[in-house]
């Protein structure tokens, strides 16, 4: 039997990855801190999450091109990629199946994609 893709295993094992995809689905986010605080994550944990999510091609970080020089940090946008959108659709189908079979699976709640 073939092993499942690593990006699938990572996302299924990290609920904050699911929540990040949901947050980015609403549109590009302008600030790391805004997204990090929405997820309620520590700064280093959030950076590690972005590292893996970018590595698997699920999210993109795009620098803002304003045509002028910036003092200090360049504004960036976090975006969900096409692969990330496909993963989110898969996760929603998984959540729906869990909801349908909640009693048989012994699961109390199937609200896995709810972003607090």
PDB file of N, CA and C in Angstrom:
ATOM      1  N   UNK A   1       0.845  -1.183   0.000  1.00  0.00           N
ATOM      2  CA  UNK A   1       0.000   0.000   0.000  1.00  0.00           C
ATOM      3  C   UNK A   1       0.889   1.244   0.000  1.00  0.00           C
ATOM      4  N   UNK A   2       0.564   2.195  -0.849  1.00  0.00           N
ATOM      5  CA  UNK A   2       1.349   3.422  -0.959  1.00  0.00           C
ATOM      6  C   UNK A   2       1.067   4.342   0.225  1.00  0.00           C
ATOM      7  N   UNK A   3       2.091   5.056   0.646  1.00  0.00           N
ATOM      8  CA  UNK A   3       1.934   6.025   1.728  1.00  0.00           C
ATOM      9  C   UNK A   3       1.204   7.261   1.210  1.00  0.00           C
ATOM     10  N   UNK A   4       0.348   7.874   2.043  1.00  0.00           N
ATOM     11  CA  UNK A   4      -0.339   9.098   1.604  1.00  0.00           C
ATOM     12  C   UNK A   4       0.648  10.246   1.470  1.00  0.00           C
ATOM     13  N   UNK A   5       0.285  11.238   0.677  1.00  0.00           N
ATOM     14  CA  UNK A   5       1.131  12.416   0.493  1.00  0.00           C
ATOM     15  C   UNK A   5       1.430  13.068   1.833  1.00  0.00           C
ATOM     16  N   UNK A   6       2.649  13.573   1.981  1.00  0.00           N
ATOM     17  CA  UNK A   6       3.055  14.194   3.235  1.00  0.00           C
ATOM     18  C   UNK A   6       2.234  15.432   3.550  1.00  0.00           C
ATOM     19  N   UNK A   7       1.864  16.228   2.522  1.00  0.00           N
ATOM     20  CA  UNK A   7       1.089  17.441   2.806  1.00  0.00           C
ATOM     21  C   UNK A   7      -0.279  17.094   3.356  1.00  0.00           C
ATOM     22  N   UNK A   8      -0.864  16.009   2.880  1.00  0.00           N
ATOM     23  CA  UNK A   8      -2.159  15.579   3.403  1.00  0.00           C
ATOM     24  C   UNK A   8      -2.027  15.146   4.859  1.00  0.00           C
ATOM     25  N   UNK A   9      -1.011  14.371   5.151  1.00  0.00           N
ATOM     26  CA  UNK A   9      -0.782  13.904   6.524  1.00  0.00           C
ATOM     27  C   UNK A   9      -0.537  15.091   7.448  1.00  0.00           C
ATOM     28  N   UNK A  10       0.263  16.060   7.008  1.00  0.00           N
ATOM     29  CA  UNK A  10       0.558  17.231   7.835  1.00  0.00           C
ATOM     30  C   UNK A  10      -0.712  18.003   8.154  1.00  0.00           C
ATOM     31  N   UNK A  11      -1.501  18.303   7.136  1.00  0.00           N
ATOM     32  CA  UNK A  11      -2.702  19.112   7.335  1.00  0.00           C
ATOM     33  C   UNK A  11      -3.731  18.364   8.179  1.00  0.00           C
ATOM     34  N   UNK A  12      -3.885  17.071   7.951  1.00  0.00           N
ATOM     35  CA  UNK A  12      -4.841  16.305   8.752  1.00  0.00           C
ATOM     36  C   UNK A  12      -4.421  16.238  10.214  1.00  0.00           C
ATOM     37  N   UNK A  13      -3.122  16.305  10.459  1.00  0.00           N
ATOM     38  CA  UNK A  13      -2.621  16.213  11.824  1.00  0.00           C
ATOM     39  C   UNK A  13      -2.492  17.541  12.544  1.00  0.00           C
ATOM     40  N   UNK A  14      -2.757  18.650  11.874  1.00  0.00           N
ATOM     41  CA  UNK A  14      -2.593  19.968  12.478  1.00  0.00           C
ATOM     42  C   UNK A  14      -3.836  20.827  12.248  1.00  0.00           C
ATOM     43  N   UNK A  15      -4.725  20.883  13.218  1.00  0.00           N
ATOM     44  CA  UNK A  15      -5.960  21.674  13.054  1.00  0.00           C
ATOM     45  C   UNK A  15      -5.696  23.140  12.739  1.00  0.00           C
ATOM     46  N   UNK A  16      -4.565  23.687  13.221  1.00  0.00           N
ATOM     47  CA  UNK A  16      -4.266  25.086  12.907  1.00  0.00           C
ATOM     48  C   UNK A  16      -4.005  25.270  11.415  1.00  0.00           C
ATOM     49  N   UNK A  17      -3.551  24.225  10.722  1.00  0.00           N
ATOM     50  CA  UNK A  17      -3.371  24.291   9.272  1.00  0.00           C
ATOM     51  C   UNK A  17      -4.730  24.416   8.584  1.00  0.00           C
ATOM     52  N   UNK A  18      -5.710  23.689   9.079  1.00  0.00           N
ATOM     53  CA  UNK A  18      -7.073  23.774   8.538  1.00  0.00           C
ATOM     54  C   UNK A  18      -7.587  25.197   8.731  1.00  0.00           C
ATOM     55  N   UNK A  19      -7.392  25.708   9.926  1.00  0.00           N
ATOM     56  CA  UNK A  19      -7.893  27.047  10.245  1.00  0.00           C
ATOM     57  C   UNK A  19      -7.205  28.124   9.416  1.00  0.00           C
ATOM     58  N   UNK A  20      -5.914  27.933   9.141  1.00  0.00           N
ATOM     59  CA  UNK A  20      -5.200  28.887   8.302  1.00  0.00           C
ATOM     60  C   UNK A  20      -5.787  28.891   6.891  1.00  0.00           C
ATOM     61  N   UNK A  21      -6.062  27.717   6.340  1.00  0.00           N
ATOM     62  CA  UNK A  21      -6.653  27.646   5.005  1.00  0.00           C
ATOM     63  C   UNK A  21      -8.015  28.336   4.970  1.00  0.00           C
ATOM     64  N   UNK A  22      -8.813  28.138   6.001  1.00  0.00           N
ATOM     65  CA  UNK A  22     -10.134  28.776   6.066  1.00  0.00           C
ATOM     66  C   UNK A  22      -9.977  30.293   6.147  1.00  0.00           C
ATOM     67  N   UNK A  23      -9.053  30.765   6.969  1.00  0.00           N
ATOM     68  CA  UNK A  23      -8.845  32.208   7.114  1.00  0.00           C
ATOM     69  C   UNK A  23      -8.389  32.825   5.799  1.00  0.00           C
ATOM     70  N   UNK A  24      -7.516  32.147   5.071  1.00  0.00           N
ATOM     71  CA  UNK A  24      -7.003  32.687   3.815  1.00  0.00           C
ATOM     72  C   UNK A  24      -8.012  32.567   2.679  1.00  0.00           C
ATOM     73  N   UNK A  25      -8.957  31.654   2.821  1.00  0.00           N
ATOM     74  CA  UNK A  25      -9.989  31.501   1.793  1.00  0.00           C
ATOM     75  C   UNK A  25     -10.848  32.770   1.692  1.00  0.00           C
ATOM     76  N   UNK A  26     -10.951  33.495   2.768  1.00  0.00           N
ATOM     77  CA  UNK A  26     -11.746  34.726   2.794  1.00  0.00           C
ATOM     78  C   UNK A  26     -11.098  35.833   1.975  1.00  0.00           C
ATOM     79  N   UNK A  27      -9.874  35.627   1.558  1.00  0.00           N
ATOM     80  CA  UNK A  27      -9.154  36.610   0.748  1.00  0.00           C
ATOM     81  C   UNK A  27      -7.756  36.788   1.286  1.00  0.00           C
ATOM     82  N   UNK A  28      -6.877  37.414   0.491  1.00  0.00           N
ATOM     83  CA  UNK A  28      -5.497  37.628   0.946  1.00  0.00           C
ATOM     84  C   UNK A  28      -5.468  38.443   2.237  1.00  0.00           C
ATOM     85  N   UNK A  29      -4.568  38.073   3.120  1.00  0.00           N
ATOM     86  CA  UNK A  29      -4.398  38.781   4.383  1.00  0.00           C
ATOM     87  C   UNK A  29      -3.142  39.626   4.297  1.00  0.00           C
ATOM     88  N   UNK A  30      -3.227  40.854   4.799  1.00  0.00           N
ATOM     89  CA  UNK A  30      -2.127  41.794   4.649  1.00  0.00           C
ATOM     90  C   UNK A  30      -1.037  41.672   5.706  1.00  0.00           C
ATOM     91  N   UNK A  31      -1.319  41.144   6.817  1.00  0.00           N
ATOM     92  CA  UNK A  31      -0.327  41.143   7.894  1.00  0.00           C
ATOM     93  C   UNK A  31      -0.243  39.769   8.554  1.00  0.00           C
ATOM     94  N   UNK A  32       1.013  39.322   8.778  1.00  0.00           N
ATOM     95  CA  UNK A  32       1.231  38.081   9.525  1.00  0.00           C
ATOM     96  C   UNK A  32       0.533  38.150  10.875  1.00  0.00           C
ATOM     97  N   UNK A  33       0.752  39.253  11.573  1.00  0.00           N
ATOM     98  CA  UNK A  33       0.229  39.373  12.938  1.00  0.00           C
ATOM     99  C   UNK A  33      -1.285  39.234  12.984  1.00  0.00           C
ATOM    100  N   UNK A  34      -1.952  39.782  11.993  1.00  0.00           N
ATOM    101  CA  UNK A  34      -3.411  39.693  11.932  1.00  0.00           C
ATOM    102  C   UNK A  34      -3.855  38.232  11.857  1.00  0.00           C
ATOM    103  N   UNK A  35      -3.228  37.476  10.986  1.00  0.00           N
ATOM    104  CA  UNK A  35      -3.575  36.065  10.816  1.00  0.00           C
ATOM    105  C   UNK A  35      -3.166  35.269  12.047  1.00  0.00           C
ATOM    106  N   UNK A  36      -1.960  35.532  12.547  1.00  0.00           N
ATOM    107  CA  UNK A  36      -1.450  34.808  13.725  1.00  0.00           C
ATOM    108  C   UNK A  36      -2.378  35.000  14.916  1.00  0.00           C
ATOM    109  N   UNK A  37      -2.827  36.230  15.146  1.00  0.00           N
ATOM    110  CA  UNK A  37      -3.720  36.502  16.274  1.00  0.00           C
ATOM    111  C   UNK A  37      -5.078  35.861  16.068  1.00  0.00           C
ATOM    112  N   UNK A  38      -5.564  35.830  14.828  1.00  0.00           N
ATOM    113  CA  UNK A  38      -6.835  35.165  14.526  1.00  0.00           C
ATOM    114  C   UNK A  38      -6.762  33.686  14.901  1.00  0.00           C
ATOM    115  N   UNK A  39      -5.613  33.070  14.610  1.00  0.00           N
ATOM    116  CA  UNK A  39      -5.427  31.654  14.923  1.00  0.00           C
ATOM    117  C   UNK A  39      -5.061  31.421  16.382  1.00  0.00           C
ATOM    118  N   UNK A  40      -4.661  32.482  17.099  1.00  0.00           N
ATOM    119  CA  UNK A  40      -4.270  32.356  18.498  1.00  0.00           C
ATOM    120  C   UNK A  40      -2.992  31.562  18.680  1.00  0.00           C
ATOM    121  N   UNK A  41      -2.036  31.776  17.772  1.00  0.00           N
ATOM    122  CA  UNK A  41      -0.792  31.014  17.810  1.00  0.00           C
ATOM    123  C   UNK A  41       0.376  31.859  18.284  1.00  0.00           C
ATOM    124  N   UNK A  42       1.350  31.200  18.885  1.00  0.00           N
ATOM    125  CA  UNK A  42       2.615  31.825  19.267  1.00  0.00           C
ATOM    126  C   UNK A  42       3.373  32.146  17.976  1.00  0.00           C
ATOM    127  N   UNK A  43       4.172  33.190  17.994  1.00  0.00           N
ATOM    128  CA  UNK A  43       4.885  33.659  16.808  1.00  0.00           C
ATOM    129  C   UNK A  43       5.735  32.569  16.160  1.00  0.00           C
ATOM    130  N   UNK A  44       6.521  31.846  16.951  1.00  0.00           N
ATOM    131  CA  UNK A  44       7.386  30.808  16.380  1.00  0.00           C
ATOM    132  C   UNK A  44       6.573  29.649  15.813  1.00  0.00           C
ATOM    133  N   UNK A  45       5.500  29.279  16.488  1.00  0.00           N
ATOM    134  CA  UNK A  45       4.636  28.209  15.986  1.00  0.00           C
ATOM    135  C   UNK A  45       4.006  28.609  14.660  1.00  0.00           C
ATOM    136  N   UNK A  46       3.608  29.870  14.563  1.00  0.00           N
ATOM    137  CA  UNK A  46       2.999  30.368  13.331  1.00  0.00           C
ATOM    138  C   UNK A  46       4.022  30.367  12.191  1.00  0.00           C
ATOM    139  N   UNK A  47       5.238  30.793  12.460  1.00  0.00           N
ATOM    140  CA  UNK A  47       6.278  30.778  11.436  1.00  0.00           C
ATOM    141  C   UNK A  47       6.567  29.353  10.965  1.00  0.00           C
ATOM    142  N   UNK A  48       6.581  28.403  11.893  1.00  0.00           N
ATOM    143  CA  UNK A  48       6.802  26.996  11.544  1.00  0.00           C
ATOM    144  C   UNK A  48       5.646  26.477  10.683  1.00  0.00           C
ATOM    145  N   UNK A  49       4.411  26.846  11.046  1.00  0.00           N
ATOM    146  CA  UNK A  49       3.237  26.450  10.263  1.00  0.00           C
ATOM    147  C   UNK A  49       3.351  26.996   8.838  1.00  0.00           C
ATOM    148  N   UNK A  50       3.698  28.272   8.701  1.00  0.00           N
ATOM    149  CA  UNK A  50       3.840  28.869   7.370  1.00  0.00           C
ATOM    150  C   UNK A  50       4.947  28.188   6.574  1.00  0.00           C
ATOM    151  N   UNK A  51       6.024  27.836   7.247  1.00  0.00           N
ATOM    152  CA  UNK A  51       7.133  27.150   6.582  1.00  0.00           C
ATOM    153  C   UNK A  51       6.647  25.864   5.912  1.00  0.00           C
ATOM    154  N   UNK A  52       5.911  25.055   6.663  1.00  0.00           N
ATOM    155  CA  UNK A  52       5.432  23.782   6.132  1.00  0.00           C
ATOM    156  C   UNK A  52       4.331  23.973   5.106  1.00  0.00           C
ATOM    157  N   UNK A  53       3.430  24.900   5.359  1.00  0.00           N
ATOM    158  CA  UNK A  53       2.317  25.132   4.429  1.00  0.00           C
ATOM    159  C   UNK A  53       2.849  25.668   3.091  1.00  0.00           C
ATOM    160  N   UNK A  54       3.830  26.547   3.142  1.00  0.00           N
ATOM    161  CA  UNK A  54       4.449  27.039   1.906  1.00  0.00           C
ATOM    162  C   UNK A  54       5.228  25.925   1.224  1.00  0.00           C
ATOM    163  N   UNK A  55       5.931  25.126   2.013  1.00  0.00           N
ATOM    164  CA  UNK A  55       6.717  24.024   1.463  1.00  0.00           C
ATOM    165  C   UNK A  55       5.860  23.010   0.716  1.00  0.00           C
ATOM    166  N   UNK A  56       4.649  22.804   1.175  1.00  0.00           N
ATOM    167  CA  UNK A  56       3.733  21.877   0.510  1.00  0.00           C
ATOM    168  C   UNK A  56       2.914  22.564  -0.576  1.00  0.00           C
ATOM    169  N   UNK A  57       3.140  23.863  -0.771  1.00  0.00           N
ATOM    170  CA  UNK A  57       2.446  24.585  -1.833  1.00  0.00           C
ATOM    171  C   UNK A  57       0.998  24.909  -1.523  1.00  0.00           C
ATOM    172  N   UNK A  58       0.636  24.956  -0.244  1.00  0.00           N
ATOM    173  CA  UNK A  58      -0.757  25.201   0.141  1.00  0.00           C
ATOM    174  C   UNK A  58      -1.068  26.682   0.320  1.00  0.00           C
ATOM    175  N   UNK A  59      -0.054  27.477   0.639  1.00  0.00           N
ATOM    176  CA  UNK A  59      -0.226  28.923   0.775  1.00  0.00           C
ATOM    177  C   UNK A  59       0.932  29.619   0.062  1.00  0.00           C
ATOM    178  N   UNK A  60       0.696  30.884  -0.269  1.00  0.00           N
ATOM    179  CA  UNK A  60       1.725  31.701  -0.917  1.00  0.00           C
ATOM    180  C   UNK A  60       1.921  32.965  -0.096  1.00  0.00           C
ATOM    181  N   UNK A  61       3.146  33.460  -0.134  1.00  0.00           N
ATOM    182  CA  UNK A  61       3.445  34.766   0.452  1.00  0.00           C
ATOM    183  C   UNK A  61       3.901  35.642  -0.711  1.00  0.00           C
ATOM    184  N   UNK A  62       3.180  36.727  -0.913  1.00  0.00           N
ATOM    185  CA  UNK A  62       3.458  37.604  -2.039  1.00  0.00           C
ATOM    186  C   UNK A  62       3.817  38.988  -1.522  1.00  0.00           C
ATOM    187  N   UNK A  63       4.955  39.500  -1.978  1.00  0.00           N
ATOM    188  CA  UNK A  63       5.374  40.848  -1.598  1.00  0.00           C
ATOM    189  C   UNK A  63       4.563  41.864  -2.395  1.00  0.00           C
ATOM    190  N   UNK A  64       4.247  42.963  -1.751  1.00  0.00           N
ATOM    191  CA  UNK A  64       3.503  44.024  -2.416  1.00  0.00           C
ATOM    192  C   UNK A  64       4.460  44.849  -3.266  1.00  0.00           C
ATOM    193  N   UNK A  65       4.109  45.043  -4.513  1.00  0.00           N
ATOM    194  CA  UNK A  65       4.924  45.844  -5.431  1.00  0.00           C
ATOM    195  C   UNK A  65       4.263  47.209  -5.579  1.00  0.00           C
ATOM    196  N   UNK A  66       4.798  48.179  -4.876  1.00  0.00           N
ATOM    197  CA  UNK A  66       4.204  49.518  -4.898  1.00  0.00           C
ATOM    198  C   UNK A  66       4.939  50.458  -5.832  1.00  0.00           C
ATOM    199  N   UNK A  67       6.099  50.045  -6.331  1.00  0.00           N
ATOM    200  CA  UNK A  67       6.858  50.891  -7.231  1.00  0.00           C
ATOM    201  C   UNK A  67       7.668  51.968  -6.528  1.00  0.00           C
ATOM    202  N   UNK A  68       7.737  51.887  -5.214  1.00  0.00           N
ATOM    203  CA  UNK A  68       8.540  52.855  -4.470  1.00  0.00           C
ATOM    204  C   UNK A  68       9.325  52.118  -3.389  1.00  0.00           C
ATOM    205  N   UNK A  69      10.379  52.766  -2.943  1.00  0.00           N
ATOM    206  CA  UNK A  69      11.229  52.159  -1.915  1.00  0.00           C
ATOM    207  C   UNK A  69      10.500  52.146  -0.574  1.00  0.00           C
ATOM    208  N   UNK A  70      10.774  51.112   0.225  1.00  0.00           N
ATOM    209  CA  UNK A  70      10.176  50.981   1.560  1.00  0.00           C
ATOM    210  C   UNK A  70      11.260  51.115   2.608  1.00  0.00           C
ATOM    211  N   UNK A  71      10.929  51.791   3.653  1.00  0.00           N
ATOM    212  CA  UNK A  71      11.831  51.819   4.814  1.00  0.00           C
ATOM    213  C   UNK A  71      11.403  50.679   5.723  1.00  0.00           C
ATOM    214  N   UNK A  72      12.320  49.803   6.004  1.00  0.00           N
ATOM    215  CA  UNK A  72      11.988  48.682   6.884  1.00  0.00           C
ATOM    216  C   UNK A  72      11.346  47.547   6.105  1.00  0.00           C
ATOM    217  N   UNK A  73      10.296  46.987   6.671  1.00  0.00           N
ATOM    218  CA  UNK A  73       9.656  45.791   6.122  1.00  0.00           C
ATOM    219  C   UNK A  73       8.848  46.103   4.860  1.00  0.00           C
ATOM    220  N   UNK A  74       8.880  45.165   3.921  1.00  0.00           N
ATOM    221  CA  UNK A  74       8.070  45.251   2.710  1.00  0.00           C
ATOM    222  C   UNK A  74       6.714  44.625   3.019  1.00  0.00           C
ATOM    223  N   UNK A  75       5.612  45.293   2.676  1.00  0.00           N
ATOM    224  CA  UNK A  75       4.290  44.699   2.930  1.00  0.00           C
ATOM    225  C   UNK A  75       4.130  43.383   2.169  1.00  0.00           C
ATOM    226  N   UNK A  76       3.601  42.367   2.831  1.00  0.00           N
ATOM    227  CA  UNK A  76       3.379  41.071   2.202  1.00  0.00           C
ATOM    228  C   UNK A  76       1.927  40.652   2.381  1.00  0.00           C
ATOM    229  N   UNK A  77       1.499  39.753   1.518  1.00  0.00           N
ATOM    230  CA  UNK A  77       0.144  39.217   1.572  1.00  0.00           C
ATOM    231  C   UNK A  77       0.218  37.700   1.660  1.00  0.00           C
ATOM    232  N   UNK A  78      -0.571  37.117   2.524  1.00  0.00           N
ATOM    233  CA  UNK A  78      -0.701  35.666   2.601  1.00  0.00           C
ATOM    234  C   UNK A  78      -1.913  35.273   1.774  1.00  0.00           C
ATOM    235  N   UNK A  79      -1.746  34.269   0.913  1.00  0.00           N
ATOM    236  CA  UNK A  79      -2.827  33.824   0.044  1.00  0.00           C
ATOM    237  C   UNK A  79      -2.910  32.311   0.037  1.00  0.00           C
ATOM    238  N   UNK A  80      -4.104  31.802  -0.192  1.00  0.00           N
ATOM    239  CA  UNK A  80      -4.280  30.369  -0.367  1.00  0.00           C
ATOM    240  C   UNK A  80      -3.977  30.041  -1.825  1.00  0.00           C
ATOM    241  N   UNK A  81      -3.272  28.948  -2.064  1.00  0.00           N
ATOM    242  CA  UNK A  81      -2.936  28.542  -3.432  1.00  0.00           C
ATOM    243  C   UNK A  81      -4.054  27.658  -3.981  1.00  0.00           C
ATOM    244  N   UNK A  82      -3.953  27.319  -5.257  1.00  0.00           N
ATOM    245  CA  UNK A  82      -4.943  26.407  -5.846  1.00  0.00           C
ATOM    246  C   UNK A  82      -4.887  25.049  -5.160  1.00  0.00           C
ATOM    247  N   UNK A  83      -3.685  24.594  -4.848  1.00  0.00           N
ATOM    248  CA  UNK A  83      -3.529  23.320  -4.145  1.00  0.00           C
ATOM    249  C   UNK A  83      -4.145  23.417  -2.745  1.00  0.00           C
ATOM    250  N   UNK A  84      -3.953  24.564  -2.084  1.00  0.00           N
ATOM    251  CA  UNK A  84      -4.552  24.778  -0.769  1.00  0.00           C
ATOM    252  C   UNK A  84      -6.064  24.800  -0.836  1.00  0.00           C
ATOM    253  N   UNK A  85      -6.619  25.412  -1.881  1.00  0.00           N
ATOM    254  CA  UNK A  85      -8.075  25.444  -2.061  1.00  0.00           C
ATOM    255  C   UNK A  85      -8.613  24.033  -2.272  1.00  0.00           C
ATOM    256  N   UNK A  86      -7.899  23.237  -3.074  1.00  0.00           N
ATOM    257  CA  UNK A  86      -8.305  21.843  -3.295  1.00  0.00           C
ATOM    258  C   UNK A  86      -8.242  21.057  -1.984  1.00  0.00           C
ATOM    259  N   UNK A  87      -7.192  21.310  -1.179  1.00  0.00           N
ATOM    260  CA  UNK A  87      -7.069  20.643   0.118  1.00  0.00           C
ATOM    261  C   UNK A  87      -8.227  21.025   1.027  1.00  0.00           C
ATOM    262  N   UNK A  88      -8.611  22.295   1.023  1.00  0.00           N
ATOM    263  CA  UNK A  88      -9.708  22.765   1.854  1.00  0.00           C
ATOM    264  C   UNK A  88     -11.021  22.101   1.453  1.00  0.00           C
ATOM    265  N   UNK A  89     -11.242  21.939   0.166  1.00  0.00           N
ATOM    266  CA  UNK A  89     -12.450  21.253  -0.309  1.00  0.00           C
ATOM    267  C   UNK A  89     -12.449  19.797   0.155  1.00  0.00           C
ATOM    268  N   UNK A  90     -11.295  19.152   0.086  1.00  0.00           N
ATOM    269  CA  UNK A  90     -11.169  17.778   0.578  1.00  0.00           C
ATOM    270  C   UNK A  90     -11.473  17.714   2.065  1.00  0.00           C
ATOM    271  N   UNK A  91     -10.923  18.661   2.836  1.00  0.00           N
ATOM    272  CA  UNK A  91     -11.150  18.682   4.278  1.00  0.00           C
ATOM    273  C   UNK A  91     -12.625  18.881   4.598  1.00  0.00           C
ATOM    274  N   UNK A  92     -13.299  19.696   3.810  1.00  0.00           N
ATOM    275  CA  UNK A  92     -14.738  19.906   4.027  1.00  0.00           C
ATOM    276  C   UNK A  92     -15.527  18.630   3.762  1.00  0.00           C
ATOM    277  N   UNK A  93     -15.110  17.866   2.751  1.00  0.00           N
ATOM    278  CA  UNK A  93     -15.786  16.589   2.489  1.00  0.00           C
ATOM    279  C   UNK A  93     -15.520  15.604   3.630  1.00  0.00           C
ATOM    280  N   UNK A  94     -14.289  15.610   4.146  1.00  0.00           N
ATOM    281  CA  UNK A  94     -13.964  14.754   5.292  1.00  0.00           C
ATOM    282  C   UNK A  94     -14.827  15.147   6.481  1.00  0.00           C
ATOM    283  N   UNK A  95     -14.930  16.453   6.744  1.00  0.00           N
ATOM    284  CA  UNK A  95     -15.738  16.936   7.861  1.00  0.00           C
ATOM    285  C   UNK A  95     -17.200  16.523   7.703  1.00  0.00           C
ATOM    286  N   UNK A  96     -17.705  16.601   6.491  1.00  0.00           N
ATOM    287  CA  UNK A  96     -19.097  16.211   6.231  1.00  0.00           C
ATOM    288  C   UNK A  96     -19.295  14.722   6.510  1.00  0.00           C
ATOM    289  N   UNK A  97     -18.341  13.900   6.077  1.00  0.00           N
ATOM    290  CA  UNK A  97     -18.436  12.464   6.334  1.00  0.00           C
ATOM    291  C   UNK A  97     -18.350  12.156   7.825  1.00  0.00           C
ATOM    292  N   UNK A  98     -17.466  12.862   8.515  1.00  0.00           N
ATOM    293  CA  UNK A  98     -17.368  12.671   9.968  1.00  0.00           C
ATOM    294  C   UNK A  98     -18.695  13.034  10.622  1.00  0.00           C
ATOM    295  N   UNK A  99     -19.305  14.124  10.179  1.00  0.00           N
ATOM    296  CA  UNK A  99     -20.599  14.546  10.721  1.00  0.00           C
ATOM    297  C   UNK A  99     -21.665  13.477  10.460  1.00  0.00           C
ATOM    298  N   UNK A 100     -21.649  12.914   9.262  1.00  0.00           N
ATOM    299  CA  UNK A 100     -22.639  11.895   8.902  1.00  0.00           C
ATOM    300  C   UNK A 100     -22.471  10.615   9.713  1.00  0.00           C
ATOM    301  N   UNK A 101     -21.245  10.310  10.116  1.00  0.00           N
ATOM    302  CA  UNK A 101     -20.965   9.062  10.836  1.00  0.00           C
ATOM    303  C   UNK A 101     -20.460   9.331  12.253  1.00  0.00           C
ATOM    304  N   UNK A 102     -20.829  10.476  12.796  1.00  0.00           N
ATOM    305  CA  UNK A 102     -20.330  10.913  14.097  1.00  0.00           C
ATOM    306  C   UNK A 102     -20.581   9.882  15.195  1.00  0.00           C
ATOM    307  N   UNK A 103     -21.772   9.370  15.250  1.00  0.00           N
ATOM    308  CA  UNK A 103     -22.119   8.421  16.318  1.00  0.00           C
ATOM    309  C   UNK A 103     -21.304   7.134  16.194  1.00  0.00           C
ATOM    310  N   UNK A 104     -21.206   6.597  14.989  1.00  0.00           N
ATOM    311  CA  UNK A 104     -20.455   5.355  14.781  1.00  0.00           C
ATOM    312  C   UNK A 104     -18.964   5.553  15.059  1.00  0.00           C
ATOM    313  N   UNK A 105     -18.455   6.748  14.774  1.00  0.00           N
ATOM    314  CA  UNK A 105     -17.041   7.031  15.007  1.00  0.00           C
ATOM    315  C   UNK A 105     -16.741   7.409  16.453  1.00  0.00           C
ATOM    316  N   UNK A 106     -17.781   7.722  17.219  1.00  0.00           N
ATOM    317  CA  UNK A 106     -17.579   8.134  18.607  1.00  0.00           C
ATOM    318  C   UNK A 106     -17.005   9.529  18.726  1.00  0.00           C
ATOM    319  N   UNK A 107     -17.330  10.398  17.773  1.00  0.00           N
ATOM    320  CA  UNK A 107     -16.836  11.766  17.770  1.00  0.00           C
ATOM    321  C   UNK A 107     -17.885  12.691  18.369  1.00  0.00           C
ATOM    322  N   UNK A 108     -17.475  13.498  19.342  1.00  0.00           N
ATOM    323  CA  UNK A 108     -18.412  14.435  19.981  1.00  0.00           C
ATOM    324  C   UNK A 108     -18.825  15.568  19.053  1.00  0.00           C
ATOM    325  N   UNK A 109     -17.838  16.139  18.381  1.00  0.00           N
ATOM    326  CA  UNK A 109     -18.123  17.258  17.496  1.00  0.00           C
ATOM    327  C   UNK A 109     -17.354  17.081  16.189  1.00  0.00           C
ATOM    328  N   UNK A 110     -17.967  17.526  15.117  1.00  0.00           N
ATOM    329  CA  UNK A 110     -17.310  17.433  13.810  1.00  0.00           C
ATOM    330  C   UNK A 110     -17.034  18.824  13.267  1.00  0.00           C
ATOM    331  N   UNK A 111     -17.018  19.804  14.132  1.00  0.00           N
ATOM    332  CA  UNK A 111     -16.784  21.185  13.701  1.00  0.00           C
ATOM    333  C   UNK A 111     -15.285  21.462  13.609  1.00  0.00           C
ATOM    334  N   UNK A 112     -14.606  20.706  12.778  1.00  0.00           N
ATOM    335  CA  UNK A 112     -13.150  20.785  12.690  1.00  0.00           C
ATOM    336  C   UNK A 112     -12.654  22.065  12.019  1.00  0.00           C
ATOM    337  N   UNK A 113     -13.445  22.615  11.092  1.00  0.00           N
ATOM    338  CA  UNK A 113     -13.007  23.767  10.336  1.00  0.00           C
ATOM    339  C   UNK A 113     -13.508  25.084  10.910  1.00  0.00           C
ATOM    340  N   UNK A 114     -14.101  25.061  12.073  1.00  0.00           N
ATOM    341  CA  UNK A 114     -14.594  26.279  12.672  1.00  0.00           C
ATOM    342  C   UNK A 114     -13.428  27.130  13.138  1.00  0.00           C
ATOM    343  N   UNK A 115     -13.395  28.366  12.679  1.00  0.00           N
ATOM    344  CA  UNK A 115     -12.337  29.291  13.090  1.00  0.00           C
ATOM    345  C   UNK A 115     -12.891  30.163  14.198  1.00  0.00           C
ATOM    346  N   UNK A 116     -12.230  30.122  15.364  1.00  0.00           N
ATOM    347  CA  UNK A 116     -12.692  30.896  16.509  1.00  0.00           C
ATOM    348  C   UNK A 116     -12.461  32.370  16.297  1.00  0.00           C
TER     349      UNK A 116
END
